[in-house]
Protein backbone atom coordinates (compact mmCIF):
# COMPACT_ATOMS: atom_id res chain seq x y z
CA UNK A 1 -11.07 4.83 -0.93
CA UNK A 2 -12.18 1.17 -0.83
CA UNK A 3 -9.68 -1.67 -1.12
CA UNK A 4 -8.84 -2.31 -4.76
CA UNK A 5 -9.35 1.25 -6.00
CA UNK A 6 -6.42 2.95 -7.76
CA UNK A 7 -4.39 5.41 -5.69
CA UNK A 8 -4.89 8.21 -8.18
CA UNK A 9 -7.76 9.34 -10.37
CA UNK A 10 -8.06 9.31 -14.14
CA UNK A 11 -8.38 13.10 -14.06
CA UNK A 12 -5.13 13.49 -12.09
CA UNK A 13 -3.26 11.26 -14.52
CA UNK A 14 -4.68 13.00 -17.60
CA UNK A 15 -3.68 16.37 -16.17
CA UNK A 16 -0.12 15.13 -15.61
CA UNK A 17 0.11 13.87 -19.17
CA UNK A 18 -1.67 16.90 -20.69
CA UNK A 19 -4.39 14.70 -22.18
CA UNK A 20 -7.76 16.40 -22.72
CA UNK A 21 -9.68 13.86 -24.82
CA UNK A 22 -11.15 10.50 -23.84
CA UNK A 23 -9.41 8.38 -26.50
CA UNK A 24 -6.92 6.84 -24.08
CA UNK A 25 -9.14 6.54 -20.98
CA UNK A 26 -9.21 2.74 -21.00
CA UNK A 27 -5.41 2.51 -21.29
CA UNK A 28 -4.95 5.19 -18.63
CA UNK A 29 -7.29 3.39 -16.22
CA UNK A 30 -5.35 0.18 -16.87
CA UNK A 31 -2.08 1.97 -16.15
CA UNK A 32 -3.51 3.36 -12.87
CA UNK A 33 -4.67 -0.10 -11.79
CA UNK A 34 -1.33 -1.70 -12.69
CA UNK A 35 0.65 1.05 -10.94
CA UNK A 36 -1.47 0.77 -7.78
CA UNK A 37 -0.97 -3.00 -7.63
CA UNK A 38 2.78 -2.50 -8.20
CA UNK A 39 2.85 -0.10 -5.23
CA UNK A 40 1.14 -2.75 -3.10
CA UNK A 41 3.60 -5.42 -4.20
CA UNK A 42 6.65 -3.21 -3.65
CA UNK A 43 5.49 -2.21 -0.17
CA UNK A 44 4.03 -5.54 0.89
CA UNK A 45 0.80 -3.85 2.01
CA UNK A 46 -2.22 -2.06 0.60
CA UNK A 47 -3.20 1.48 1.52
CA UNK A 48 -6.94 1.69 0.95
CA UNK A 49 -9.37 0.76 3.69
CA UNK A 50 -12.51 -1.11 4.59
CA UNK A 51 -15.29 0.68 6.43
CA UNK A 52 -16.76 -2.51 7.86
CA UNK A 53 -15.03 -5.06 10.04
CA UNK A 54 -13.99 -8.37 8.52
CA UNK A 55 -12.48 -11.46 10.15
CA UNK A 56 -9.06 -12.72 9.06
CA UNK A 57 -6.93 -15.51 10.52
CA UNK A 58 -3.22 -15.15 11.33
CA UNK A 59 -0.55 -17.45 12.70
CA UNK A 60 1.08 -16.26 15.92
CA UNK A 61 4.87 -15.94 15.61
CA UNK A 62 5.39 -16.44 19.31
CA UNK A 63 3.28 -16.42 22.44
CA UNK A 64 3.68 -12.67 22.64
CA UNK A 65 3.51 -11.35 19.07
CA UNK A 66 0.96 -11.45 16.28
CA UNK A 67 1.73 -9.79 12.93
CA UNK A 68 -1.47 -8.86 11.09
CA UNK A 69 -2.54 -6.89 8.05
CA UNK A 70 -2.76 -3.12 8.56
CA UNK A 71 -5.89 -1.88 10.36
CA UNK A 72 -6.81 1.75 10.90
CA UNK A 73 -9.08 1.83 13.95
CA UNK A 74 -9.90 -0.09 17.11
CA UNK A 75 -13.63 0.32 16.40
CA UNK A 76 -15.09 -3.19 15.93
CA UNK A 77 -11.69 -4.75 16.73
CA UNK A 78 -11.90 -8.22 18.24
CA UNK A 79 -9.32 -10.92 18.82
CA UNK A 80 -10.53 -14.52 18.83
CA UNK A 81 -14.08 -13.27 19.32
CA UNK A 82 -13.27 -11.02 22.28
CA UNK A 83 -13.87 -7.29 21.79
CA UNK A 84 -10.69 -5.23 22.13
CA UNK A 85 -10.24 -3.26 25.34
CA UNK A 86 -7.24 -1.10 26.22
CA UNK A 87 -4.90 -3.07 28.43
CA UNK A 88 -5.83 -6.52 27.07
CA UNK A 89 -3.39 -6.27 24.19
CA UNK A 90 -0.78 -3.76 23.04
CA UNK A 91 -1.18 -2.43 19.50
CA UNK A 92 1.85 -1.28 17.54
CA UNK A 93 3.13 1.03 16.32
CA UNK A 94 2.33 2.83 19.55
CA UNK A 95 -0.12 5.65 18.92
CA UNK A 96 0.04 5.00 15.17
CA UNK A 97 3.32 6.95 14.96
CA UNK A 98 6.36 5.80 12.95
CA UNK A 99 9.53 7.91 12.81
CA UNK A 100 7.60 10.86 14.26
CA UNK A 101 4.91 10.67 11.57
CA UNK A 102 1.33 10.05 12.77
CA UNK A 103 -1.40 8.33 10.77
CA UNK A 104 0.12 4.87 10.52
CA UNK A 105 -2.11 1.84 10.96
CA UNK A 106 -1.57 -0.90 13.51
CA UNK A 107 0.02 -4.15 12.29
CA UNK A 108 1.46 -5.79 15.42
CA UNK A 109 -0.49 -7.03 18.41
CA UNK A 110 1.29 -8.04 21.60
CA UNK A 111 -0.41 -10.39 24.04
CA UNK A 112 -0.68 -14.07 24.90
CA UNK A 113 -1.07 -15.90 21.58
CA UNK A 114 -0.56 -19.41 20.31
CA UNK A 115 -1.45 -21.06 17.02
CA UNK A 116 -3.98 -19.44 14.76
CA UNK A 117 -5.69 -16.26 15.88
CA UNK A 118 -8.78 -14.71 14.33
CA UNK A 119 -8.73 -10.93 14.21
CA UNK A 120 -11.75 -8.90 13.18
CA UNK A 121 -10.93 -5.33 12.18
CA UNK A 122 -11.49 -2.52 9.72
CA UNK A 123 -8.48 -3.25 7.52
CA UNK A 124 -6.24 -0.77 5.74
CA UNK A 125 -5.12 2.79 6.32
CA UNK A 126 -7.37 5.63 7.47
CA UNK A 127 -6.03 7.74 4.57
CA UNK A 128 -3.71 7.00 1.68
CA UNK A 129 -0.38 8.79 2.28
CA UNK A 130 0.45 11.51 -0.25
CA UNK A 131 3.71 9.75 -1.17
CA UNK A 132 1.75 6.64 -2.16
CA UNK A 133 -0.59 8.61 -4.43
CA UNK A 134 2.36 10.44 -6.02
CA UNK A 135 4.31 7.22 -6.61
CA UNK A 136 1.25 5.58 -8.18
CA UNK A 137 0.62 8.52 -10.51
CA UNK A 138 4.27 8.71 -11.60
CA UNK A 139 4.33 4.97 -12.20
CA UNK A 140 1.01 5.03 -14.07
CA UNK A 141 2.33 7.76 -16.37
CA UNK A 142 5.44 5.66 -17.05
CA UNK A 143 3.38 2.51 -17.66
CA UNK A 144 1.18 4.42 -20.11
CA UNK A 145 4.24 5.82 -21.92
CA UNK A 146 5.81 2.33 -22.23
CA UNK A 147 3.73 1.92 -25.38
CA UNK A 148 6.11 4.46 -26.91
CA UNK A 149 9.19 2.49 -25.81
CA UNK A 150 9.22 -0.96 -27.45
CA UNK A 151 11.69 -3.39 -25.83
CA UNK A 152 12.44 -0.75 -23.21
CA UNK A 153 14.10 1.52 -25.76
CA UNK A 154 12.83 5.06 -25.58
CA UNK A 155 14.86 6.46 -28.45
CA UNK A 156 18.23 6.80 -30.09
CA UNK A 157 20.80 9.47 -29.28
CA UNK A 158 24.30 10.25 -30.54
CA UNK A 159 25.78 7.77 -28.06
CA UNK A 160 23.31 4.94 -28.78
CA UNK A 161 19.98 3.70 -27.46
CA UNK A 162 18.25 5.43 -24.54
CA UNK A 163 16.88 2.71 -22.24
CA UNK A 164 14.24 3.02 -19.58
CA UNK A 165 15.16 2.03 -16.04
CA UNK A 166 13.58 1.81 -12.62
CA UNK A 167 12.49 5.18 -11.30
CA UNK A 168 14.70 6.00 -8.31
CA UNK A 169 12.38 8.76 -7.05
CA UNK A 170 9.41 6.38 -6.92
CA UNK A 171 11.52 3.92 -4.92
CA UNK A 172 12.43 6.73 -2.52
CA UNK A 173 8.77 7.71 -2.09
CA UNK A 174 7.76 4.12 -1.34
CA UNK A 175 10.72 2.92 0.75
CA UNK A 176 9.44 4.20 4.13
CA UNK A 177 6.20 2.27 3.59
CA UNK A 178 7.78 -1.10 2.78
CA UNK A 179 6.71 -3.73 5.22
CA UNK A 180 9.72 -5.70 6.35
CA UNK A 181 9.16 -8.85 8.33
CA UNK A 182 11.95 -9.66 10.75
CA UNK A 183 12.28 -13.25 11.87
CA UNK A 184 12.47 -13.65 15.62
CA UNK A 185 14.11 -16.77 17.03
């Protein structure tokens, strides 16, 4: 899945919403795109990937730590023009494992850094986590249905207006993938 693609397909979203015609395809695709970008913004990262290496420049936080965008492989990895070799730098998370779950990309490089550092890598995740796809599809369905809820009011019940609110389950699905930057003094 290339960078910029939605995290779910039109067919998956239509199945969820029990839509069989093509009348709403443009609106559904818009909802998928908006939901996928919202996932990226909430998490502070994107989950698709590039298949070719691309150079990006980062500012070293200290002489020993460089925080970079997620990258999914050491193939074609180079740091300031020098091809990566095991032992030159330490990539984290170690082994691509976070909280016992494999498949995470690298986003920290430990080594001797100062100033701006150019890193060439295949950016993104090797595979989009299932929780990310689920959160995007749930959010896309909600975004699509917002057309039926003007001013955030979904309907009227005996006790008054029924208002829409943030989806707690989506937040739970995405929380482990939020990128939190910790300042180091």
